[in-house]
Protein backbone atom coordinates (compact mmCIF):
# COMPACT_ATOMS: atom_id res chain seq x y z
CA MET A 1 59.56 9.82 -17.27
CA ASP A 2 56.03 8.46 -16.14
CA LEU A 3 54.74 10.20 -12.86
CA THR A 4 51.32 8.58 -12.32
CA PRO A 5 50.59 6.80 -9.51
CA LEU A 6 50.37 2.98 -9.23
CA PRO A 7 47.04 1.74 -7.77
CA LEU A 8 47.95 0.33 -3.95
CA VAL A 9 47.78 -3.21 -3.11
CA ASN A 10 44.95 -2.31 -0.58
CA ASP A 11 42.95 0.35 -2.91
CA THR A 12 39.32 -0.46 -2.26
CA SER A 13 38.24 2.09 -4.79
CA HIS A 14 39.12 -0.72 -7.96
CA ARG A 15 36.81 -3.39 -7.06
CA ALA A 16 37.16 -6.30 -9.42
CA ALA A 17 33.11 -6.73 -11.73
CA GLY A 18 32.48 -9.64 -9.60
CA ASP A 19 32.41 -7.70 -6.20
CA LEU A 20 30.18 -5.82 -7.70
CA ILE A 21 27.88 -8.37 -9.24
CA ASN A 22 27.93 -10.04 -5.66
CA ASP A 23 26.77 -6.52 -4.18
CA TYR A 24 24.22 -5.66 -6.29
CA ARG A 25 22.55 -9.51 -5.85
CA ALA A 26 22.92 -9.30 -2.62
CA ARG A 27 21.42 -5.64 -2.52
CA ARG A 28 18.46 -7.09 -4.59
CA ALA A 29 17.97 -10.05 -2.26
CA PHE A 30 17.85 -7.27 0.60
CA GLU A 31 15.89 -5.07 -1.14
CA GLU A 32 13.09 -8.53 -2.09
CA GLU A 33 12.75 -9.88 1.15
CA GLU A 34 11.63 -6.07 2.57
CA ARG A 35 9.04 -5.91 -0.40
CA ALA A 36 7.80 -9.81 1.37
CA GLN A 37 8.21 -8.34 4.96
CA ARG A 38 5.45 -5.28 4.19
CA ARG A 39 3.23 -7.85 2.12
CA ARG A 40 3.44 -9.67 4.63
CA ILE A 41 2.42 -7.14 7.06
CA GLN A 42 -0.04 -6.09 4.85
CA LEU A 43 -1.84 -9.32 4.44
CA GLU A 44 -1.81 -9.57 8.30
CA GLU A 45 -3.32 -5.88 8.49
CA GLN A 46 -6.33 -6.95 6.05
CA ARG A 47 -7.03 -10.04 7.77
CA SER A 48 -7.02 -8.84 11.53
CA ASP A 49 -9.85 -9.06 14.03
CA LEU A 50 -8.07 -6.89 15.86
CA ASN A 51 -8.90 -4.25 12.65
CA PRO A 52 -12.61 -3.05 12.37
CA PRO A 53 -13.86 -3.65 8.81
CA ASP A 54 -12.81 -0.10 7.44
CA VAL A 55 -9.13 -0.89 8.27
CA ARG A 56 -9.21 -4.02 6.71
CA ILE A 57 -11.11 -3.06 3.80
CA ARG A 58 -8.30 -0.11 3.12
CA ALA A 59 -5.74 -2.60 3.83
CA TRP A 60 -7.17 -4.87 0.70
CA GLU A 61 -7.08 -1.84 -1.62
CA LYS A 62 -3.59 -0.73 -0.78
CA VAL A 63 -2.58 -4.51 -1.21
CA HIS A 64 -4.30 -5.08 -4.83
CA GLY A 65 -4.28 -1.34 -5.67
CA LEU A 66 -7.86 -1.19 -6.28
CA ARG A 67 -10.73 0.31 -4.95
CA MET A 68 -14.22 -1.09 -3.22
CA PRO A 69 -16.55 -0.95 -6.37
CA ALA A 70 -19.93 1.33 -4.89
CA ASP A 71 -22.15 -1.58 -6.52
CA SER A 72 -23.60 -3.89 -3.89
CA GLY A 73 -24.02 -6.60 -6.68
CA HIS A 74 -19.99 -6.44 -7.80
CA PRO A 75 -19.18 -9.96 -8.02
CA ILE A 76 -15.19 -8.67 -6.12
CA LEU A 77 -17.14 -8.03 -3.16
CA GLU A 78 -16.80 -11.76 -2.11
CA VAL A 79 -13.41 -11.71 -2.76
CA ILE A 80 -13.07 -8.69 -0.72
CA ALA A 81 -15.43 -10.47 2.15
CA GLY A 82 -13.33 -13.77 1.91
CA ASP A 83 -9.69 -11.75 2.08
CA THR A 84 -10.46 -9.78 5.14
CA ARG A 85 -12.63 -12.01 6.97
CA LEU A 86 -14.97 -10.24 7.20
CA THR A 87 -19.09 -11.39 6.01
CA LEU A 88 -20.48 -9.95 3.11
CA VAL A 89 -23.28 -7.91 5.08
CA GLU A 90 -19.91 -5.95 7.22
CA VAL A 91 -18.52 -5.14 3.30
CA HIS A 92 -22.06 -3.85 2.28
CA GLY A 93 -22.17 -1.87 5.64
CA GLU A 94 -18.67 -0.44 5.06
CA GLN A 95 -19.99 0.16 1.04
CA GLN A 96 -22.71 2.25 2.91
CA ALA A 97 -21.05 4.17 4.82
CA ARG A 98 -18.30 5.28 1.96
CA VAL A 99 -21.71 6.34 0.08
CA ALA A 100 -23.35 8.15 3.34
CA GLU A 101 -19.52 9.80 3.65
CA ALA A 102 -19.33 10.97 0.49
CA VAL A 103 -23.00 12.37 0.04
CA LYS A 104 -22.15 14.46 3.41
CA ARG A 105 -18.94 15.72 1.65
CA LYS A 106 -20.63 16.55 -1.39
CA ALA A 107 -23.28 18.30 0.77
CA LEU A 108 -20.80 20.54 2.71
CA LYS A 109 -18.95 21.41 -0.56
CA THR A 110 -22.08 22.56 -2.53
CA SER A 111 -23.75 24.47 0.51
CA VAL A 112 -23.39 28.35 0.08
CA VAL A 113 -22.43 29.97 3.26
CA THR A 114 -24.67 33.50 2.77
CA PRO A 115 -23.20 36.53 4.73
CA ALA A 116 -25.17 37.81 7.67
CA SER A 117 -27.76 40.55 7.07
CA GLU A 118 -26.37 43.93 7.51
């Protein structure tokens, strides 16, 4: 005599393969919509006149997964300026500010603190 229980009619633990595929597709569509929404927000952040140049450029870098080059003659700077709605002068200004900050950090790192004389 077989004593294994029969599945109940309302048992949802045994879903059809079609249901799983539909759930997967729905989840993928939802995830894609979330990604698209995040990208729209990031693009708005890089273009917003309410954000200063440094915020817009960092947003551009995040969207593209790139760093702004230090070379003031690099052709991508014109692309950055256009995408962020900044002038090339403003982009160069941010480059100079970053260089100044890097020099300042390096100077602080390499400066040796001498103990007070006894």
